C-alpha atoms as a PDB file:
ATOM      1  CA  UNK A   1      32.344 116.723  13.518  1.00  0.00           C
ATOM      2  CA  UNK A   2      33.226 113.056  13.231  1.00  0.00           C
ATOM      3  CA  UNK A   3      33.834 110.764  16.173  1.00  0.00           C
ATOM      4  CA  UNK A   4      37.445 109.649  16.607  1.00  0.00           C
ATOM      5  CA  UNK A   5      38.082 105.978  15.903  1.00  0.00           C
ATOM      6  CA  UNK A   6      39.070 103.752  18.800  1.00  0.00           C
ATOM      7  CA  UNK A   7      39.855 100.055  18.922  1.00  0.00           C
ATOM      8  CA  UNK A   8      37.834  97.931  21.321  1.00  0.00           C
ATOM      9  CA  UNK A   9      39.585  96.826  24.513  1.00  0.00           C
ATOM     10  CA  UNK A  10      40.094  93.340  23.075  1.00  0.00           C
ATOM     11  CA  UNK A  11      41.527  94.732  19.833  1.00  0.00           C
ATOM     12  CA  UNK A  12      43.809  97.105  21.730  1.00  0.00           C
ATOM     13  CA  UNK A  13      45.367  93.999  23.272  1.00  0.00           C
ATOM     14  CA  UNK A  14      45.672  92.418  19.827  1.00  0.00           C
ATOM     15  CA  UNK A  15      47.219  95.679  18.584  1.00  0.00           C
ATOM     16  CA  UNK A  16      49.920  95.474  21.271  1.00  0.00           C
ATOM     17  CA  UNK A  17      50.718  91.887  20.289  1.00  0.00           C
ATOM     18  CA  UNK A  18      50.959  92.811  16.605  1.00  0.00           C
ATOM     19  CA  UNK A  19      53.183  95.830  17.287  1.00  0.00           C
ATOM     20  CA  UNK A  20      55.434  93.649  19.456  1.00  0.00           C
ATOM     21  CA  UNK A  21      56.203  91.416  16.466  1.00  0.00           C
ATOM     22  CA  UNK A  22      57.839  94.212  14.473  1.00  0.00           C
ATOM     23  CA  UNK A  23      61.006  96.155  15.267  1.00  0.00           C
ATOM     24  CA  UNK A  24      59.609  99.089  13.264  1.00  0.00           C
ATOM     25  CA  UNK A  25      56.005 100.220  13.924  1.00  0.00           C
ATOM     26  CA  UNK A  26      55.505 101.132  10.246  1.00  0.00           C
ATOM     27  CA  UNK A  27      56.072  97.481   9.282  1.00  0.00           C
ATOM     28  CA  UNK A  28      52.922  96.529  11.227  1.00  0.00           C
ATOM     29  CA  UNK A  29      50.688  98.689   9.019  1.00  0.00           C
ATOM     30  CA  UNK A  30      48.939  95.925   7.055  1.00  0.00           C
ATOM     31  CA  UNK A  31      48.114  93.733  10.061  1.00  0.00           C
ATOM     32  CA  UNK A  32      46.867  96.801  11.951  1.00  0.00           C
ATOM     33  CA  UNK A  33      44.697  97.888   9.026  1.00  0.00           C
ATOM     34  CA  UNK A  34      43.264  94.368   8.824  1.00  0.00           C
ATOM     35  CA  UNK A  35      42.493  94.550  12.557  1.00  0.00           C
ATOM     36  CA  UNK A  36      40.736  97.896  12.106  1.00  0.00           C
ATOM     37  CA  UNK A  37      38.746  96.594   9.141  1.00  0.00           C
ATOM     38  CA  UNK A  38      37.818  93.453  11.070  1.00  0.00           C
ATOM     39  CA  UNK A  39      36.380  95.626  13.846  1.00  0.00           C
ATOM     40  CA  UNK A  40      34.722  98.339  11.756  1.00  0.00           C
ATOM     41  CA  UNK A  41      34.024  96.571   8.469  1.00  0.00           C
ATOM     42  CA  UNK A  42      36.006  99.151   6.514  1.00  0.00           C
ATOM     43  CA  UNK A  43      38.747 101.791   6.953  1.00  0.00           C
ATOM     44  CA  UNK A  44      37.214 105.197   7.657  1.00  0.00           C
ATOM     45  CA  UNK A  45      39.204 108.455   7.476  1.00  0.00           C
ATOM     46  CA  UNK A  46      39.098 108.527  11.294  1.00  0.00           C
ATOM     47  CA  UNK A  47      40.537 105.007  11.400  1.00  0.00           C
ATOM     48  CA  UNK A  48      43.285 106.056   8.978  1.00  0.00           C
ATOM     49  CA  UNK A  49      44.166 108.917  11.329  1.00  0.00           C
ATOM     50  CA  UNK A  50      44.155 106.523  14.288  1.00  0.00           C
ATOM     51  CA  UNK A  51      46.475 104.095  12.474  1.00  0.00           C
ATOM     52  CA  UNK A  52      48.816 106.907  11.442  1.00  0.00           C
ATOM     53  CA  UNK A  53      49.002 108.251  14.983  1.00  0.00           C
ATOM     54  CA  UNK A  54      49.566 104.819  16.550  1.00  0.00           C
ATOM     55  CA  UNK A  55      52.089 103.715  13.923  1.00  0.00           C
ATOM     56  CA  UNK A  56      53.860 107.089  14.050  1.00  0.00           C
ATOM     57  CA  UNK A  57      53.607 107.694  10.298  1.00  0.00           C
ATOM     58  CA  UNK A  58      51.979 110.460   8.256  1.00  0.00           C
ATOM     59  CA  UNK A  59      48.310 109.796   7.464  1.00  0.00           C
ATOM     60  CA  UNK A  60      49.105 110.029   3.743  1.00  0.00           C
ATOM     61  CA  UNK A  61      51.199 106.842   4.072  1.00  0.00           C
ATOM     62  CA  UNK A  62      48.254 105.014   5.584  1.00  0.00           C
ATOM     63  CA  UNK A  63      45.946 106.306   2.816  1.00  0.00           C
ATOM     64  CA  UNK A  64      48.421 105.133   0.181  1.00  0.00           C
ATOM     65  CA  UNK A  65      48.360 101.601   1.619  1.00  0.00           C
ATOM     66  CA  UNK A  66      44.566 101.567   2.021  1.00  0.00           C
ATOM     67  CA  UNK A  67      44.025 102.741  -1.557  1.00  0.00           C
ATOM     68  CA  UNK A  68      46.587 100.279  -2.976  1.00  0.00           C
ATOM     69  CA  UNK A  69      45.235  96.999  -1.581  1.00  0.00           C
ATOM     70  CA  UNK A  70      41.900  95.759  -2.930  1.00  0.00           C
ATOM     71  CA  UNK A  71      41.236  93.789   0.255  1.00  0.00           C
ATOM     72  CA  UNK A  72      40.973  97.033   2.230  1.00  0.00           C
ATOM     73  CA  UNK A  73      37.750  98.963   1.856  1.00  0.00           C
ATOM     74  CA  UNK A  74      37.051 102.647   2.497  1.00  0.00           C
ATOM     75  CA  UNK A  75      33.260 102.350   2.460  1.00  0.00           C
ATOM     76  CA  UNK A  76      30.925 100.549   4.832  1.00  0.00           C
ATOM     77  CA  UNK A  77      30.009  97.190   3.351  1.00  0.00           C
ATOM     78  CA  UNK A  78      26.473  95.973   2.844  1.00  0.00           C
ATOM     79  CA  UNK A  79      25.052  93.318   5.114  1.00  0.00           C
ATOM     80  CA  UNK A  80      26.197  90.900   2.384  1.00  0.00           C
ATOM     81  CA  UNK A  81      29.348  91.497   0.355  1.00  0.00           C
ATOM     82  CA  UNK A  82      30.187  90.062  -3.053  1.00  0.00           C
ATOM     83  CA  UNK A  83      33.634  89.950  -4.647  1.00  0.00           C
ATOM     84  CA  UNK A  84      33.659  89.093  -8.349  1.00  0.00           C
ATOM     85  CA  UNK A  85      36.927  87.472  -9.370  1.00  0.00           C
ATOM     86  CA  UNK A  86      38.289  89.025 -12.551  1.00  0.00           C
ATOM     87  CA  UNK A  87      41.517  87.048 -12.777  1.00  0.00           C
ATOM     88  CA  UNK A  88      42.484  85.662 -16.163  1.00  0.00           C
ATOM     89  CA  UNK A  89      40.805  82.289 -15.519  1.00  0.00           C
ATOM     90  CA  UNK A  90      37.528  83.847 -14.421  1.00  0.00           C
ATOM     91  CA  UNK A  91      37.604  86.444 -17.184  1.00  0.00           C
ATOM     92  CA  UNK A  92      38.111  83.773 -19.872  1.00  0.00           C
ATOM     93  CA  UNK A  93      35.219  81.779 -18.374  1.00  0.00           C
ATOM     94  CA  UNK A  94      32.818  84.724 -18.363  1.00  0.00           C
ATOM     95  CA  UNK A  95      33.278  86.930 -15.305  1.00  0.00           C
ATOM     96  CA  UNK A  96      32.414  90.006 -17.371  1.00  0.00           C
ATOM     97  CA  UNK A  97      28.940  88.547 -17.910  1.00  0.00           C
ATOM     98  CA  UNK A  98      28.598  87.965 -14.168  1.00  0.00           C
ATOM     99  CA  UNK A  99      29.660  91.568 -13.546  1.00  0.00           C
ATOM    100  CA  UNK A 100      27.072  92.916 -15.980  1.00  0.00           C
ATOM    101  CA  UNK A 101      24.380  90.703 -14.506  1.00  0.00           C
ATOM    102  CA  UNK A 102      25.137  91.962 -10.989  1.00  0.00           C
ATOM    103  CA  UNK A 103      25.164  95.560 -12.210  1.00  0.00           C
ATOM    104  CA  UNK A 104      21.666  95.130 -13.662  1.00  0.00           C
ATOM    105  CA  UNK A 105      20.248  93.070 -10.805  1.00  0.00           C
ATOM    106  CA  UNK A 106      21.557  95.248  -7.982  1.00  0.00           C
ATOM    107  CA  UNK A 107      21.207  98.607  -9.703  1.00  0.00           C
ATOM    108  CA  UNK A 108      24.541  99.823  -8.361  1.00  0.00           C
ATOM    109  CA  UNK A 109      28.066  99.936  -9.712  1.00  0.00           C
ATOM    110  CA  UNK A 110      31.011  97.929  -8.361  1.00  0.00           C
ATOM    111  CA  UNK A 111      32.265  99.493  -5.130  1.00  0.00           C
ATOM    112  CA  UNK A 112      28.757 100.647  -4.181  1.00  0.00           C
ATOM    113  CA  UNK A 113      26.081  99.374  -1.826  1.00  0.00           C
ATOM    114  CA  UNK A 114      22.397  98.949  -2.583  1.00  0.00           C
ATOM    115  CA  UNK A 115      20.201 101.721  -1.184  1.00  0.00           C
ATOM    116  CA  UNK A 116      18.800  99.417   1.498  1.00  0.00           C
ATOM    117  CA  UNK A 117      22.339  98.572   2.690  1.00  0.00           C
ATOM    118  CA  UNK A 118      21.810  94.869   2.014  1.00  0.00           C
ATOM    119  CA  UNK A 119      24.421  94.143  -0.670  1.00  0.00           C
ATOM    120  CA  UNK A 120      27.746  95.698  -1.591  1.00  0.00           C
ATOM    121  CA  UNK A 121      29.930  94.363  -4.336  1.00  0.00           C
ATOM    122  CA  UNK A 122      33.226  94.829  -6.081  1.00  0.00           C
ATOM    123  CA  UNK A 123      35.236  93.425  -8.941  1.00  0.00           C
ATOM    124  CA  UNK A 124      38.675  92.298  -7.818  1.00  0.00           C
ATOM    125  CA  UNK A 125      41.531  91.892 -10.283  1.00  0.00           C
ATOM    126  CA  UNK A 126      43.342  89.570  -7.893  1.00  0.00           C
ATOM    127  CA  UNK A 127      42.752  85.835  -8.149  1.00  0.00           C
ATOM    128  CA  UNK A 128      40.500  84.638  -5.348  1.00  0.00           C
ATOM    129  CA  UNK A 129      42.207  81.238  -5.480  1.00  0.00           C
ATOM    130  CA  UNK A 130      39.453  79.036  -6.893  1.00  0.00           C
ATOM    131  CA  UNK A 131      40.197  78.911 -10.617  1.00  0.00           C
ATOM    132  CA  UNK A 132      38.537  75.504 -10.889  1.00  0.00           C
ATOM    133  CA  UNK A 133      35.241  77.297 -10.077  1.00  0.00           C
ATOM    134  CA  UNK A 134      35.602  79.977 -12.764  1.00  0.00           C
ATOM    135  CA  UNK A 135      33.727  82.184 -13.144  1.00  0.00           C
ATOM    136  CA  UNK A 136      33.350  82.618  -9.410  1.00  0.00           C
ATOM    137  CA  UNK A 137      32.509  85.069  -6.691  1.00  0.00           C
ATOM    138  CA  UNK A 138      32.980  85.230  -2.961  1.00  0.00           C
ATOM    139  CA  UNK A 139      29.693  85.851  -1.195  1.00  0.00           C
ATOM    140  CA  UNK A 140      30.314  86.829   2.411  1.00  0.00           C
ATOM    141  CA  UNK A 141      33.751  85.204   2.143  1.00  0.00           C
ATOM    142  CA  UNK A 142      32.472  81.884   0.772  1.00  0.00           C
ATOM    143  CA  UNK A 143      33.462  80.807  -2.739  1.00  0.00           C
ATOM    144  CA  UNK A 144      30.578  80.287  -5.148  1.00  0.00           C
ATOM    145  CA  UNK A 145      31.498  79.133  -8.608  1.00  0.00           C
ATOM    146  CA  UNK A 146      30.746  77.748 -12.019  1.00  0.00           C
ATOM    147  CA  UNK A 147      28.336  80.650 -12.160  1.00  0.00           C
ATOM    148  CA  UNK A 148      25.704  81.406 -14.714  1.00  0.00           C
ATOM    149  CA  UNK A 149      23.231  84.287 -14.468  1.00  0.00           C
ATOM    150  CA  UNK A 150      20.634  81.775 -13.242  1.00  0.00           C
ATOM    151  CA  UNK A 151      22.902  80.399 -10.492  1.00  0.00           C
ATOM    152  CA  UNK A 152      23.749  83.956  -9.479  1.00  0.00           C
ATOM    153  CA  UNK A 153      20.040  84.839  -9.281  1.00  0.00           C
ATOM    154  CA  UNK A 154      19.482  81.821  -7.015  1.00  0.00           C
ATOM    155  CA  UNK A 155      22.264  83.009  -4.683  1.00  0.00           C
ATOM    156  CA  UNK A 156      20.839  86.538  -4.631  1.00  0.00           C
ATOM    157  CA  UNK A 157      17.358  85.178  -3.921  1.00  0.00           C
ATOM    158  CA  UNK A 158      18.725  83.385  -0.847  1.00  0.00           C
ATOM    159  CA  UNK A 159      20.222  86.516   0.667  1.00  0.00           C
ATOM    160  CA  UNK A 160      17.783  89.187  -0.485  1.00  0.00           C
ATOM    161  CA  UNK A 161      14.623  87.936  -2.215  1.00  0.00           C
ATOM    162  CA  UNK A 162      12.825  91.294  -2.133  1.00  0.00           C
ATOM    163  CA  UNK A 163      15.659  93.041  -3.958  1.00  0.00           C
ATOM    164  CA  UNK A 164      15.821  90.369  -6.632  1.00  0.00           C
ATOM    165  CA  UNK A 165      12.063  90.361  -7.206  1.00  0.00           C
ATOM    166  CA  UNK A 166      12.052  94.156  -7.483  1.00  0.00           C
ATOM    167  CA  UNK A 167      14.930  94.230  -9.988  1.00  0.00           C
ATOM    168  CA  UNK A 168      13.644  91.266 -12.019  1.00  0.00           C
ATOM    169  CA  UNK A 169      10.996  93.420 -13.620  1.00  0.00           C
ATOM    170  CA  UNK A 170      13.645  95.951 -14.662  1.00  0.00           C
ATOM    171  CA  UNK A 171      15.299  93.623 -17.196  1.00  0.00           C
END
């Protein structure tokens, strides 16, 4: 049996402030889900149930919102998280090559986490707001751009050298 989700004492206070800003509890769903994800790193089924109960909505409505927005995750992230921008600018400048390179280097598909829990990654269709850096990624929330496979390998070597060295021989 899973443990019920609970906000920390500090986040319960933040929850009250957020709820107070909206005349309808349902309207606070996105800020509350962001708060939950900030605390937990992702939105678990237990957290969805918590949000539904506190917002007084059916859990299916919470799941619909969580599954719709790419910035909300339903899986625990790796210690390091990579978002590959796949907006038009990044795609034209080669983001598909960056995606393939990550797939080979990490040995996992987008939306997955490496077996050691070090790196998770995803391809996001939304623009990450740095078109001048295309193709670009966000690594732990920091924009990294004008990427080539070599520059990407250097970034990966900084955060997880053992993983990169292991996968290098798999090319």
